[in-house]
């Protein structure tokens, strides 16, 4: 699914994110107590934000580093018109 620009000065950023704790559990043939096994592999998400920093703040709020989430990549996929 491709998102379009929502507001002026808003860009769409595509992130790739995984959970290091889930990845570690699966390597030991265990399941994570909270997150599904799919989080061992990078998951793609689109974020609407005015800047890369704002996009990272939104990601951290939803997928906290303290819970094991790791941002593998973040790139802008559109340009402001």
PDB file of N, CA and C in Angstrom:
ATOM      1  N   UNK A   1       0.839  -1.170   0.000  1.00  0.00           N
ATOM      2  CA  UNK A   1       0.000   0.000   0.000  1.00  0.00           C
ATOM      3  C   UNK A   1       0.889   1.240   0.000  1.00  0.00           C
ATOM      4  N   UNK A   2       0.613   2.160  -0.890  1.00  0.00           N
ATOM      5  CA  UNK A   2       1.379   3.393  -0.960  1.00  0.00           C
ATOM      6  C   UNK A   2       0.515   4.525  -0.417  1.00  0.00           C
ATOM      7  N   UNK A   3       1.070   5.237   0.544  1.00  0.00           N
ATOM      8  CA  UNK A   3       0.361   6.385   1.098  1.00  0.00           C
ATOM      9  C   UNK A   3       0.746   7.634   0.320  1.00  0.00           C
ATOM     10  N   UNK A   4      -0.159   8.579   0.253  1.00  0.00           N
ATOM     11  CA  UNK A   4       0.143   9.844  -0.407  1.00  0.00           C
ATOM     12  C   UNK A   4       0.331  10.924   0.641  1.00  0.00           C
ATOM     13  N   UNK A   5       0.816  12.062   0.191  1.00  0.00           N
ATOM     14  CA  UNK A   5       1.035  13.179   1.100  1.00  0.00           C
ATOM     15  C   UNK A   5      -0.280  13.556   1.767  1.00  0.00           C
ATOM     16  N   UNK A   6      -0.260  13.728   3.088  1.00  0.00           N
ATOM     17  CA  UNK A   6      -1.473  13.993   3.840  1.00  0.00           C
ATOM     18  C   UNK A   6      -1.676  15.493   4.071  1.00  0.00           C
ATOM     19  N   UNK A   7      -0.641  16.182   4.490  1.00  0.00           N
ATOM     20  CA  UNK A   7      -0.689  17.619   4.745  1.00  0.00           C
ATOM     21  C   UNK A   7       0.532  18.261   4.108  1.00  0.00           C
ATOM     22  N   UNK A   8       0.467  19.607   3.933  1.00  0.00           N
ATOM     23  CA  UNK A   8       1.651  20.310   3.465  1.00  0.00           C
ATOM     24  C   UNK A   8       2.811  20.017   4.393  1.00  0.00           C
ATOM     25  N   UNK A   9       3.988  19.903   3.836  1.00  0.00           N
ATOM     26  CA  UNK A   9       5.222  19.648   4.588  1.00  0.00           C
ATOM     27  C   UNK A   9       5.246  18.282   5.263  1.00  0.00           C
ATOM     28  N   UNK A  10       4.352  17.390   4.882  1.00  0.00           N
ATOM     29  CA  UNK A  10       4.363  16.033   5.428  1.00  0.00           C
ATOM     30  C   UNK A  10       4.901  15.078   4.370  1.00  0.00           C
ATOM     31  N   UNK A  11       5.810  14.234   4.799  1.00  0.00           N
ATOM     32  CA  UNK A  11       6.381  13.231   3.919  1.00  0.00           C
ATOM     33  C   UNK A  11       6.024  11.845   4.431  1.00  0.00           C
ATOM     34  N   UNK A  12       6.172  10.877   3.562  1.00  0.00           N
ATOM     35  CA  UNK A  12       5.983   9.486   3.947  1.00  0.00           C
ATOM     36  C   UNK A  12       7.364   8.853   4.059  1.00  0.00           C
ATOM     37  N   UNK A  13       7.619   8.240   5.208  1.00  0.00           N
ATOM     38  CA  UNK A  13       8.875   7.545   5.454  1.00  0.00           C
ATOM     39  C   UNK A  13       8.576   6.062   5.599  1.00  0.00           C
ATOM     40  N   UNK A  14       9.368   5.249   4.944  1.00  0.00           N
ATOM     41  CA  UNK A  14       9.217   3.804   5.053  1.00  0.00           C
ATOM     42  C   UNK A  14      10.310   3.286   5.988  1.00  0.00           C
ATOM     43  N   UNK A  15       9.859   2.578   7.028  1.00  0.00           N
ATOM     44  CA  UNK A  15      10.824   2.012   7.972  1.00  0.00           C
ATOM     45  C   UNK A  15      10.830   0.497   7.848  1.00  0.00           C
ATOM     46  N   UNK A  16      11.954  -0.054   8.191  1.00  0.00           N
ATOM     47  CA  UNK A  16      12.101  -1.504   8.312  1.00  0.00           C
ATOM     48  C   UNK A  16      12.522  -1.731   9.758  1.00  0.00           C
ATOM     49  N   UNK A  17      11.756  -2.542  10.483  1.00  0.00           N
ATOM     50  CA  UNK A  17      11.974  -2.707  11.919  1.00  0.00           C
ATOM     51  C   UNK A  17      11.806  -4.171  12.316  1.00  0.00           C
ATOM     52  N   UNK A  18      12.631  -4.621  13.262  1.00  0.00           N
ATOM     53  CA  UNK A  18      12.513  -5.980  13.794  1.00  0.00           C
ATOM     54  C   UNK A  18      12.705  -5.931  15.302  1.00  0.00           C
ATOM     55  N   UNK A  19      12.484  -7.070  15.944  1.00  0.00           N
ATOM     56  CA  UNK A  19      12.659  -7.131  17.396  1.00  0.00           C
ATOM     57  C   UNK A  19      13.809  -8.083  17.711  1.00  0.00           C
ATOM     58  N   UNK A  20      14.861  -7.543  18.336  1.00  0.00           N
ATOM     59  CA  UNK A  20      16.061  -8.342  18.622  1.00  0.00           C
ATOM     60  C   UNK A  20      15.792  -9.436  19.649  1.00  0.00           C
ATOM     61  N   UNK A  21      14.845  -9.197  20.574  1.00  0.00           N
ATOM     62  CA  UNK A  21      14.518 -10.221  21.575  1.00  0.00           C
ATOM     63  C   UNK A  21      13.814 -11.413  20.937  1.00  0.00           C
ATOM     64  N   UNK A  22      12.910 -11.149  19.997  1.00  0.00           N
ATOM     65  CA  UNK A  22      12.225 -12.231  19.278  1.00  0.00           C
ATOM     66  C   UNK A  22      13.241 -13.002  18.442  1.00  0.00           C
ATOM     67  N   UNK A  23      14.124 -12.282  17.788  1.00  0.00           N
ATOM     68  CA  UNK A  23      15.157 -12.905  16.962  1.00  0.00           C
ATOM     69  C   UNK A  23      16.033 -13.830  17.808  1.00  0.00           C
ATOM     70  N   UNK A  24      16.419 -13.355  18.973  1.00  0.00           N
ATOM     71  CA  UNK A  24      17.247 -14.142  19.882  1.00  0.00           C
ATOM     72  C   UNK A  24      16.503 -15.390  20.384  1.00  0.00           C
ATOM     73  N   UNK A  25      15.235 -15.208  20.730  1.00  0.00           N
ATOM     74  CA  UNK A  25      14.426 -16.338  21.205  1.00  0.00           C
ATOM     75  C   UNK A  25      14.319 -17.416  20.128  1.00  0.00           C
ATOM     76  N   UNK A  26      14.067 -17.003  18.901  1.00  0.00           N
ATOM     77  CA  UNK A  26      13.919 -17.979  17.817  1.00  0.00           C
ATOM     78  C   UNK A  26      15.216 -18.728  17.547  1.00  0.00           C
ATOM     79  N   UNK A  27      16.347 -18.050  17.698  1.00  0.00           N
ATOM     80  CA  UNK A  27      17.634 -18.725  17.509  1.00  0.00           C
ATOM     81  C   UNK A  27      17.832 -19.822  18.547  1.00  0.00           C
ATOM     82  N   UNK A  28      17.177 -19.658  19.710  1.00  0.00           N
ATOM     83  CA  UNK A  28      17.250 -20.671  20.773  1.00  0.00           C
ATOM     84  C   UNK A  28      16.059 -21.625  20.735  1.00  0.00           C
ATOM     85  N   UNK A  29      15.309 -21.593  19.611  1.00  0.00           N
ATOM     86  CA  UNK A  29      14.107 -22.427  19.433  1.00  0.00           C
ATOM     87  C   UNK A  29      13.049 -22.178  20.497  1.00  0.00           C
ATOM     88  N   UNK A  30      12.905 -20.923  20.895  1.00  0.00           N
ATOM     89  CA  UNK A  30      11.891 -20.516  21.866  1.00  0.00           C
ATOM     90  C   UNK A  30      10.965 -19.489  21.237  1.00  0.00           C
ATOM     91  N   UNK A  31       9.804 -19.306  21.844  1.00  0.00           N
ATOM     92  CA  UNK A  31       8.884 -18.243  21.440  1.00  0.00           C
ATOM     93  C   UNK A  31       9.045 -17.083  22.408  1.00  0.00           C
ATOM     94  N   UNK A  32       8.877 -15.886  21.910  1.00  0.00           N
ATOM     95  CA  UNK A  32       8.890 -14.713  22.776  1.00  0.00           C
ATOM     96  C   UNK A  32       7.583 -14.708  23.565  1.00  0.00           C
ATOM     97  N   UNK A  33       7.639 -14.263  24.799  1.00  0.00           N
ATOM     98  CA  UNK A  33       6.455 -14.280  25.659  1.00  0.00           C
ATOM     99  C   UNK A  33       5.369 -13.308  25.229  1.00  0.00           C
ATOM    100  N   UNK A  34       5.720 -12.283  24.427  1.00  0.00           N
ATOM    101  CA  UNK A  34       4.743 -11.258  24.079  1.00  0.00           C
ATOM    102  C   UNK A  34       4.557 -11.078  22.572  1.00  0.00           C
ATOM    103  N   UNK A  35       5.658 -11.049  21.825  1.00  0.00           N
ATOM    104  CA  UNK A  35       5.589 -10.718  20.402  1.00  0.00           C
ATOM    105  C   UNK A  35       5.621 -11.966  19.522  1.00  0.00           C
ATOM    106  N   UNK A  36       4.920 -11.886  18.408  1.00  0.00           N
ATOM    107  CA  UNK A  36       4.849 -12.991  17.450  1.00  0.00           C
ATOM    108  C   UNK A  36       6.205 -13.228  16.783  1.00  0.00           C
ATOM    109  N   UNK A  37       6.393 -14.448  16.313  1.00  0.00           N
ATOM    110  CA  UNK A  37       7.647 -14.833  15.661  1.00  0.00           C
ATOM    111  C   UNK A  37       7.972 -13.959  14.451  1.00  0.00           C
ATOM    112  N   UNK A  38       6.966 -13.414  13.814  1.00  0.00           N
ATOM    113  CA  UNK A  38       7.208 -12.596  12.610  1.00  0.00           C
ATOM    114  C   UNK A  38       8.106 -11.405  12.896  1.00  0.00           C
ATOM    115  N   UNK A  39       8.163 -10.958  14.164  1.00  0.00           N
ATOM    116  CA  UNK A  39       8.997  -9.810  14.521  1.00  0.00           C
ATOM    117  C   UNK A  39      10.485 -10.135  14.497  1.00  0.00           C
ATOM    118  N   UNK A  40      10.846 -11.393  14.298  1.00  0.00           N
ATOM    119  CA  UNK A  40      12.255 -11.750  14.131  1.00  0.00           C
ATOM    120  C   UNK A  40      12.770 -11.260  12.775  1.00  0.00           C
ATOM    121  N   UNK A  41      11.865 -11.141  11.821  1.00  0.00           N
ATOM    122  CA  UNK A  41      12.204 -10.624  10.490  1.00  0.00           C
ATOM    123  C   UNK A  41      11.787  -9.167  10.400  1.00  0.00           C
ATOM    124  N   UNK A  42      12.475  -8.431   9.563  1.00  0.00           N
ATOM    125  CA  UNK A  42      12.156  -7.012   9.383  1.00  0.00           C
ATOM    126  C   UNK A  42      10.740  -6.844   8.846  1.00  0.00           C
ATOM    127  N   UNK A  43      10.019  -5.928   9.441  1.00  0.00           N
ATOM    128  CA  UNK A  43       8.651  -5.583   9.051  1.00  0.00           C
ATOM    129  C   UNK A  43       8.652  -4.171   8.474  1.00  0.00           C
ATOM    130  N   UNK A  44       7.934  -3.964   7.390  1.00  0.00           N
ATOM    131  CA  UNK A  44       7.849  -2.643   6.780  1.00  0.00           C
ATOM    132  C   UNK A  44       6.654  -1.867   7.309  1.00  0.00           C
ATOM    133  N   UNK A  45       6.861  -0.602   7.546  1.00  0.00           N
ATOM    134  CA  UNK A  45       5.801   0.304   7.998  1.00  0.00           C
ATOM    135  C   UNK A  45       5.980   1.641   7.281  1.00  0.00           C
ATOM    136  N   UNK A  46       4.880   2.318   6.984  1.00  0.00           N
ATOM    137  CA  UNK A  46       4.925   3.674   6.443  1.00  0.00           C
ATOM    138  C   UNK A  46       4.511   4.644   7.532  1.00  0.00           C
ATOM    139  N   UNK A  47       5.262   5.741   7.652  1.00  0.00           N
ATOM    140  CA  UNK A  47       5.029   6.749   8.685  1.00  0.00           C
ATOM    141  C   UNK A  47       4.878   8.107   8.011  1.00  0.00           C
ATOM    142  N   UNK A  48       3.838   8.856   8.354  1.00  0.00           N
ATOM    143  CA  UNK A  48       3.670  10.225   7.870  1.00  0.00           C
ATOM    144  C   UNK A  48       4.288  11.166   8.901  1.00  0.00           C
ATOM    145  N   UNK A  49       5.246  11.984   8.448  1.00  0.00           N
ATOM    146  CA  UNK A  49       5.929  12.896   9.364  1.00  0.00           C
ATOM    147  C   UNK A  49       6.517  14.055   8.572  1.00  0.00           C
ATOM    148  N   UNK A  50       6.805  15.142   9.270  1.00  0.00           N
ATOM    149  CA  UNK A  50       7.375  16.315   8.607  1.00  0.00           C
ATOM    150  C   UNK A  50       8.882  16.214   8.447  1.00  0.00           C
ATOM    151  N   UNK A  51       9.524  15.327   9.211  1.00  0.00           N
ATOM    152  CA  UNK A  51      10.973  15.174   9.118  1.00  0.00           C
ATOM    153  C   UNK A  51      11.365  13.757   9.525  1.00  0.00           C
ATOM    154  N   UNK A  52      12.601  13.408   9.218  1.00  0.00           N
ATOM    155  CA  UNK A  52      13.135  12.097   9.597  1.00  0.00           C
ATOM    156  C   UNK A  52      13.149  11.963  11.120  1.00  0.00           C
ATOM    157  N   UNK A  53      13.534  13.036  11.816  1.00  0.00           N
ATOM    158  CA  UNK A  53      13.553  13.003  13.287  1.00  0.00           C
ATOM    159  C   UNK A  53      12.167  12.757  13.867  1.00  0.00           C
ATOM    160  N   UNK A  54      11.158  13.422  13.298  1.00  0.00           N
ATOM    161  CA  UNK A  54       9.784  13.212  13.772  1.00  0.00           C
ATOM    162  C   UNK A  54       9.343  11.778  13.500  1.00  0.00           C
ATOM    163  N   UNK A  55       9.706  11.253  12.346  1.00  0.00           N
ATOM    164  CA  UNK A  55       9.356   9.863  12.019  1.00  0.00           C
ATOM    165  C   UNK A  55       9.981   8.915  13.034  1.00  0.00           C
ATOM    166  N   UNK A  56      11.242   9.138  13.384  1.00  0.00           N
ATOM    167  CA  UNK A  56      11.910   8.285  14.371  1.00  0.00           C
ATOM    168  C   UNK A  56      11.261   8.396  15.747  1.00  0.00           C
ATOM    169  N   UNK A  57      10.814   9.589  16.121  1.00  0.00           N
ATOM    170  CA  UNK A  57      10.120   9.759  17.402  1.00  0.00           C
ATOM    171  C   UNK A  57       8.815   8.968  17.419  1.00  0.00           C
ATOM    172  N   UNK A  58       8.078   8.994  16.307  1.00  0.00           N
ATOM    173  CA  UNK A  58       6.832   8.225  16.228  1.00  0.00           C
ATOM    174  C   UNK A  58       7.112   6.728  16.331  1.00  0.00           C
ATOM    175  N   UNK A  59       8.164   6.285  15.668  1.00  0.00           N
ATOM    176  CA  UNK A  59       8.530   4.863  15.706  1.00  0.00           C
ATOM    177  C   UNK A  59       8.905   4.463  17.124  1.00  0.00           C
ATOM    178  N   UNK A  60       9.717   5.276  17.790  1.00  0.00           N
ATOM    179  CA  UNK A  60      10.156   4.961  19.153  1.00  0.00           C
ATOM    180  C   UNK A  60       8.974   4.895  20.115  1.00  0.00           C
ATOM    181  N   UNK A  61       7.985   5.749  19.896  1.00  0.00           N
ATOM    182  CA  UNK A  61       6.808   5.745  20.762  1.00  0.00           C
ATOM    183  C   UNK A  61       6.001   4.449  20.590  1.00  0.00           C
ATOM    184  N   UNK A  62       5.879   4.003  19.347  1.00  0.00           N
ATOM    185  CA  UNK A  62       5.080   2.819  19.066  1.00  0.00           C
ATOM    186  C   UNK A  62       5.864   1.512  19.230  1.00  0.00           C
ATOM    187  N   UNK A  63       7.152   1.567  18.891  1.00  0.00           N
ATOM    188  CA  UNK A  63       8.020   0.386  18.945  1.00  0.00           C
ATOM    189  C   UNK A  63       9.276   0.740  19.749  1.00  0.00           C
ATOM    190  N   UNK A  64       9.188   0.745  21.070  1.00  0.00           N
ATOM    191  CA  UNK A  64      10.310   1.229  21.897  1.00  0.00           C
ATOM    192  C   UNK A  64      11.556   0.340  21.848  1.00  0.00           C
ATOM    193  N   UNK A  65      12.710   1.004  21.850  1.00  0.00           N
ATOM    194  CA  UNK A  65      13.989   0.286  21.898  1.00  0.00           C
ATOM    195  C   UNK A  65      14.066  -0.586  23.143  1.00  0.00           C
ATOM    196  N   UNK A  66      13.530  -0.095  24.244  1.00  0.00           N
ATOM    197  CA  UNK A  66      13.573  -0.857  25.493  1.00  0.00           C
ATOM    198  C   UNK A  66      12.812  -2.182  25.406  1.00  0.00           C
ATOM    199  N   UNK A  67      11.888  -2.285  24.454  1.00  0.00           N
ATOM    200  CA  UNK A  67      11.139  -3.532  24.242  1.00  0.00           C
ATOM    201  C   UNK A  67      11.826  -4.421  23.207  1.00  0.00           C
ATOM    202  N   UNK A  68      13.009  -3.987  22.734  1.00  0.00           N
ATOM    203  CA  UNK A  68      13.783  -4.808  21.813  1.00  0.00           C
ATOM    204  C   UNK A  68      13.668  -4.453  20.342  1.00  0.00           C
ATOM    205  N   UNK A  69      12.922  -3.407  20.013  1.00  0.00           N
ATOM    206  CA  UNK A  69      12.751  -3.057  18.602  1.00  0.00           C
ATOM    207  C   UNK A  69      13.971  -2.320  18.058  1.00  0.00           C
ATOM    208  N   UNK A  70      14.335  -2.660  16.824  1.00  0.00           N
ATOM    209  CA  UNK A  70      15.497  -2.080  16.167  1.00  0.00           C
ATOM    210  C   UNK A  70      15.072  -1.575  14.792  1.00  0.00           C
ATOM    211  N   UNK A  71      15.335  -0.300  14.524  1.00  0.00           N
ATOM    212  CA  UNK A  71      15.057   0.261  13.202  1.00  0.00           C
ATOM    213  C   UNK A  71      16.223  -0.117  12.295  1.00  0.00           C
ATOM    214  N   UNK A  72      15.925  -0.919  11.299  1.00  0.00           N
ATOM    215  CA  UNK A  72      16.946  -1.384  10.360  1.00  0.00           C
ATOM    216  C   UNK A  72      17.211  -0.337   9.279  1.00  0.00           C
ATOM    217  N   UNK A  73      16.149   0.339   8.840  1.00  0.00           N
ATOM    218  CA  UNK A  73      16.303   1.402   7.844  1.00  0.00           C
ATOM    219  C   UNK A  73      15.108   2.342   7.917  1.00  0.00           C
ATOM    220  N   UNK A  74      15.334   3.557   7.457  1.00  0.00           N
ATOM    221  CA  UNK A  74      14.276   4.561   7.367  1.00  0.00           C
ATOM    222  C   UNK A  74      14.604   5.433   6.175  1.00  0.00           C
ATOM    223  N   UNK A  75      13.669   5.539   5.230  1.00  0.00           N
ATOM    224  CA  UNK A  75      13.915   6.393   4.072  1.00  0.00           C
ATOM    225  C   UNK A  75      12.631   7.091   3.653  1.00  0.00           C
ATOM    226  N   UNK A  76      12.796   8.287   3.134  1.00  0.00           N
ATOM    227  CA  UNK A  76      11.657   9.042   2.623  1.00  0.00           C
ATOM    228  C   UNK A  76      11.265   8.473   1.270  1.00  0.00           C
ATOM    229  N   UNK A  77       9.969   8.250   1.080  1.00  0.00           N
ATOM    230  CA  UNK A  77       9.512   7.645  -0.176  1.00  0.00           C
ATOM    231  C   UNK A  77       8.711   8.603  -1.045  1.00  0.00           C
ATOM    232  N   UNK A  78       8.588   9.849  -0.617  1.00  0.00           N
ATOM    233  CA  UNK A  78       7.946  10.849  -1.465  1.00  0.00           C
ATOM    234  C   UNK A  78       8.624  12.178  -1.242  1.00  0.00           C
ATOM    235  N   UNK A  79       8.301  13.146  -2.062  1.00  0.00           N
ATOM    236  CA  UNK A  79       8.830  14.497  -1.910  1.00  0.00           C
ATOM    237  C   UNK A  79       7.686  15.443  -1.651  1.00  0.00           C
ATOM    238  N   UNK A  80       7.953  16.490  -0.903  1.00  0.00           N
ATOM    239  CA  UNK A  80       6.944  17.510  -0.663  1.00  0.00           C
ATOM    240  C   UNK A  80       6.735  18.268  -1.964  1.00  0.00           C
ATOM    241  N   UNK A  81       5.481  18.468  -2.306  1.00  0.00           N
ATOM    242  CA  UNK A  81       5.135  19.157  -3.565  1.00  0.00           C
ATOM    243  C   UNK A  81       5.111  20.644  -3.329  1.00  0.00           C
TER     244      UNK A  81
END
